[in-house]
Amino acid sequence: MNFNYLGEFIMNDDNFQVNRQFLQFKDKNVLIGLKNWEEVEGKIVTIDNFLNTILEYEGNLRVIKGGKIAFISVKD
């Protein structure tokens, strides 16, 4: 078993992979619709299997929790 510096158990899963359907959005300009009807445009820096997303827009980074996302659309 492995533990971090706080003594918390951590799993080493070298086989972890992000779903390919989600990876299609990485490094693309997208429009993200949120469940509160807000829309955000930018470039996806990273995304995980829970749709937690880091979006780059106007030179800033924004973290969006996957549970708040209604849709992701690739911009042309």
N, C-alpha and C. Protein backbone atom coordinates (compact mmCIF):
# COMPACT_ATOMS: atom_id res chain seq x y z
N MET A 1 0.84 -1.18 0.00
CA MET A 1 0.00 0.00 0.00
C MET A 1 0.89 1.24 0.00
N ASN A 2 0.37 2.29 -0.63
CA ASN A 2 1.10 3.55 -0.72
C ASN A 2 0.32 4.64 0.01
N PHE A 3 1.06 5.52 0.69
CA PHE A 3 0.46 6.61 1.42
C PHE A 3 1.16 7.91 1.05
N ASN A 4 0.40 9.01 1.02
CA ASN A 4 1.01 10.31 0.75
C ASN A 4 1.58 10.89 2.05
N TYR A 5 2.07 12.12 1.97
CA TYR A 5 2.73 12.72 3.13
C TYR A 5 1.76 13.00 4.29
N LEU A 6 0.45 12.97 4.01
CA LEU A 6 -0.54 13.15 5.07
C LEU A 6 -0.99 11.83 5.68
N GLY A 7 -0.44 10.74 5.18
CA GLY A 7 -0.81 9.42 5.67
C GLY A 7 -2.07 8.87 5.03
N GLU A 8 -2.55 9.52 3.95
CA GLU A 8 -3.74 9.06 3.27
C GLU A 8 -3.36 8.00 2.24
N PHE A 9 -4.21 7.00 2.12
CA PHE A 9 -3.96 5.94 1.15
C PHE A 9 -4.12 6.48 -0.27
N ILE A 10 -3.19 6.13 -1.15
CA ILE A 10 -3.30 6.51 -2.55
C ILE A 10 -3.15 5.26 -3.41
N MET A 11 -3.91 5.23 -4.48
CA MET A 11 -3.84 4.09 -5.39
C MET A 11 -2.93 4.44 -6.55
N ASN A 12 -2.09 3.53 -6.93
CA ASN A 12 -1.30 3.68 -8.14
C ASN A 12 -1.93 2.81 -9.20
N ASP A 13 -2.64 3.43 -10.11
CA ASP A 13 -3.29 2.70 -11.18
C ASP A 13 -2.68 3.14 -12.50
N ASP A 14 -1.65 2.44 -12.92
CA ASP A 14 -0.95 2.79 -14.15
C ASP A 14 -1.80 2.50 -15.38
N ASN A 15 -2.88 1.76 -15.22
CA ASN A 15 -3.74 1.41 -16.35
C ASN A 15 -4.90 2.38 -16.53
N PHE A 16 -4.98 3.44 -15.71
CA PHE A 16 -6.08 4.39 -15.79
C PHE A 16 -6.02 5.13 -17.12
N GLN A 17 -7.15 5.19 -17.81
CA GLN A 17 -7.22 5.91 -19.08
C GLN A 17 -8.52 6.71 -19.14
N VAL A 18 -8.44 7.88 -19.72
CA VAL A 18 -9.63 8.70 -19.93
C VAL A 18 -10.37 8.17 -21.15
N ASN A 19 -11.67 8.14 -21.05
CA ASN A 19 -12.52 7.67 -22.14
C ASN A 19 -12.19 8.42 -23.43
N ARG A 20 -12.04 7.67 -24.52
CA ARG A 20 -11.67 8.28 -25.80
C ARG A 20 -12.70 9.30 -26.28
N GLN A 21 -13.97 9.09 -25.94
CA GLN A 21 -15.00 10.05 -26.35
C GLN A 21 -14.77 11.41 -25.70
N PHE A 22 -14.24 11.43 -24.50
CA PHE A 22 -13.95 12.70 -23.83
C PHE A 22 -12.66 13.31 -24.36
N LEU A 23 -11.69 12.48 -24.71
CA LEU A 23 -10.41 12.99 -25.20
C LEU A 23 -10.53 13.71 -26.53
N GLN A 24 -11.60 13.47 -27.28
CA GLN A 24 -11.77 14.16 -28.56
C GLN A 24 -11.88 15.67 -28.37
N PHE A 25 -12.23 16.11 -27.16
CA PHE A 25 -12.38 17.54 -26.89
C PHE A 25 -11.08 18.20 -26.46
N LYS A 26 -10.08 17.42 -26.05
CA LYS A 26 -8.85 17.99 -25.53
C LYS A 26 -8.13 18.80 -26.62
N ASP A 27 -7.64 19.97 -26.24
CA ASP A 27 -6.93 20.90 -27.13
C ASP A 27 -7.81 21.44 -28.25
N LYS A 28 -9.12 21.41 -28.07
CA LYS A 28 -10.05 21.94 -29.08
C LYS A 28 -10.77 23.14 -28.50
N ASN A 29 -11.17 24.05 -29.38
CA ASN A 29 -12.03 25.16 -28.97
C ASN A 29 -13.45 24.63 -28.86
N VAL A 30 -14.06 24.86 -27.71
CA VAL A 30 -15.37 24.28 -27.43
C VAL A 30 -16.32 25.33 -26.86
N LEU A 31 -17.58 24.98 -26.89
CA LEU A 31 -18.62 25.71 -26.19
C LEU A 31 -19.16 24.74 -25.14
N ILE A 32 -19.12 25.15 -23.87
CA ILE A 32 -19.62 24.31 -22.79
C ILE A 32 -20.89 24.96 -22.24
N GLY A 33 -21.97 24.21 -22.27
CA GLY A 33 -23.22 24.67 -21.68
C GLY A 33 -23.34 24.10 -20.28
N LEU A 34 -23.61 24.98 -19.33
CA LEU A 34 -23.74 24.56 -17.95
C LEU A 34 -25.21 24.41 -17.57
N LYS A 35 -25.45 23.65 -16.51
CA LYS A 35 -26.82 23.38 -16.08
C LYS A 35 -27.54 24.63 -15.58
N ASN A 36 -26.79 25.70 -15.26
CA ASN A 36 -27.41 26.95 -14.82
C ASN A 36 -27.67 27.89 -16.03
N TRP A 37 -27.63 27.33 -17.23
CA TRP A 37 -27.89 28.03 -18.50
C TRP A 37 -26.77 28.96 -18.93
N GLU A 38 -25.66 28.97 -18.21
CA GLU A 38 -24.49 29.76 -18.61
C GLU A 38 -23.75 29.00 -19.71
N GLU A 39 -23.16 29.74 -20.63
CA GLU A 39 -22.32 29.12 -21.66
C GLU A 39 -20.92 29.72 -21.58
N VAL A 40 -19.91 28.84 -21.74
CA VAL A 40 -18.52 29.26 -21.65
C VAL A 40 -17.80 28.75 -22.89
N GLU A 41 -17.00 29.61 -23.52
CA GLU A 41 -16.21 29.21 -24.68
C GLU A 41 -14.75 29.24 -24.32
N GLY A 42 -13.98 28.32 -24.89
CA GLY A 42 -12.55 28.30 -24.67
C GLY A 42 -11.93 27.02 -25.19
N LYS A 43 -10.69 26.80 -24.82
CA LYS A 43 -9.94 25.62 -25.26
C LYS A 43 -9.76 24.69 -24.06
N ILE A 44 -10.12 23.42 -24.24
CA ILE A 44 -9.99 22.46 -23.14
C ILE A 44 -8.53 22.07 -22.98
N VAL A 45 -8.00 22.31 -21.78
CA VAL A 45 -6.63 21.95 -21.45
C VAL A 45 -6.59 20.48 -21.04
N THR A 46 -7.53 20.08 -20.17
CA THR A 46 -7.60 18.69 -19.74
C THR A 46 -9.03 18.37 -19.33
N ILE A 47 -9.36 17.08 -19.40
CA ILE A 47 -10.69 16.59 -19.04
C ILE A 47 -10.53 15.19 -18.49
N ASP A 48 -11.39 14.81 -17.54
CA ASP A 48 -11.30 13.46 -16.99
C ASP A 48 -12.61 12.71 -17.21
N ASN A 49 -12.68 11.49 -16.68
CA ASN A 49 -13.86 10.65 -16.89
C ASN A 49 -15.11 11.15 -16.18
N PHE A 50 -14.96 12.09 -15.27
CA PHE A 50 -16.11 12.69 -14.59
C PHE A 50 -16.51 14.00 -15.24
N LEU A 51 -15.89 14.31 -16.38
CA LEU A 51 -16.07 15.55 -17.14
C LEU A 51 -15.57 16.78 -16.41
N ASN A 52 -14.81 16.59 -15.32
CA ASN A 52 -14.13 17.73 -14.70
C ASN A 52 -13.19 18.29 -15.75
N THR A 53 -13.27 19.57 -15.97
CA THR A 53 -12.61 20.20 -17.12
C THR A 53 -11.81 21.42 -16.69
N ILE A 54 -10.64 21.57 -17.29
CA ILE A 54 -9.89 22.82 -17.16
C ILE A 54 -9.94 23.48 -18.52
N LEU A 55 -10.49 24.68 -18.54
CA LEU A 55 -10.73 25.41 -19.77
C LEU A 55 -9.86 26.66 -19.78
N GLU A 56 -9.20 26.90 -20.91
CA GLU A 56 -8.41 28.12 -21.09
C GLU A 56 -9.22 29.09 -21.93
N TYR A 57 -9.42 30.29 -21.41
CA TYR A 57 -10.13 31.31 -22.16
C TYR A 57 -9.59 32.68 -21.78
N GLU A 58 -9.41 33.52 -22.75
CA GLU A 58 -8.89 34.88 -22.56
C GLU A 58 -7.64 34.90 -21.70
N GLY A 59 -6.77 33.92 -21.88
CA GLY A 59 -5.51 33.86 -21.15
C GLY A 59 -5.63 33.38 -19.72
N ASN A 60 -6.83 33.01 -19.28
CA ASN A 60 -7.06 32.52 -17.92
C ASN A 60 -7.47 31.05 -17.94
N LEU A 61 -7.34 30.39 -16.81
CA LEU A 61 -7.79 29.02 -16.67
C LEU A 61 -9.04 29.00 -15.80
N ARG A 62 -9.97 28.13 -16.14
CA ARG A 62 -11.18 27.97 -15.34
C ARG A 62 -11.42 26.48 -15.13
N VAL A 63 -11.68 26.10 -13.90
CA VAL A 63 -12.01 24.72 -13.57
C VAL A 63 -13.52 24.59 -13.52
N ILE A 64 -14.05 23.61 -14.26
CA ILE A 64 -15.49 23.37 -14.28
C ILE A 64 -15.72 21.94 -13.81
N LYS A 65 -16.49 21.78 -12.76
CA LYS A 65 -16.81 20.45 -12.24
C LYS A 65 -17.76 19.76 -13.21
N GLY A 66 -17.53 18.48 -13.43
CA GLY A 66 -18.31 17.72 -14.40
C GLY A 66 -19.80 17.69 -14.13
N GLY A 67 -20.19 17.71 -12.87
CA GLY A 67 -21.60 17.68 -12.53
C GLY A 67 -22.37 18.92 -12.92
N LYS A 68 -21.66 20.00 -13.26
CA LYS A 68 -22.31 21.25 -13.65
C LYS A 68 -22.46 21.37 -15.16
N ILE A 69 -21.87 20.43 -15.92
CA ILE A 69 -21.87 20.51 -17.38
C ILE A 69 -23.11 19.84 -17.96
N ALA A 70 -23.81 20.58 -18.83
CA ALA A 70 -24.96 20.03 -19.54
C ALA A 70 -24.53 19.46 -20.89
N PHE A 71 -23.62 20.18 -21.60
CA PHE A 71 -23.12 19.68 -22.89
C PHE A 71 -21.79 20.32 -23.22
N ILE A 72 -21.05 19.65 -24.11
CA ILE A 72 -19.81 20.19 -24.68
C ILE A 72 -19.93 20.07 -26.19
N SER A 73 -19.67 21.17 -26.87
CA SER A 73 -19.77 21.20 -28.32
C SER A 73 -18.46 21.75 -28.90
N VAL A 74 -17.91 21.07 -29.91
CA VAL A 74 -16.70 21.53 -30.57
C VAL A 74 -17.04 22.69 -31.48
N LYS A 75 -16.26 23.79 -31.36
CA LYS A 75 -16.46 24.96 -32.22
C LYS A 75 -15.72 24.72 -33.54
N ASP A 76 -16.30 25.23 -34.62
CA ASP A 76 -15.66 25.09 -35.95
C ASP A 76 -14.57 26.10 -36.14
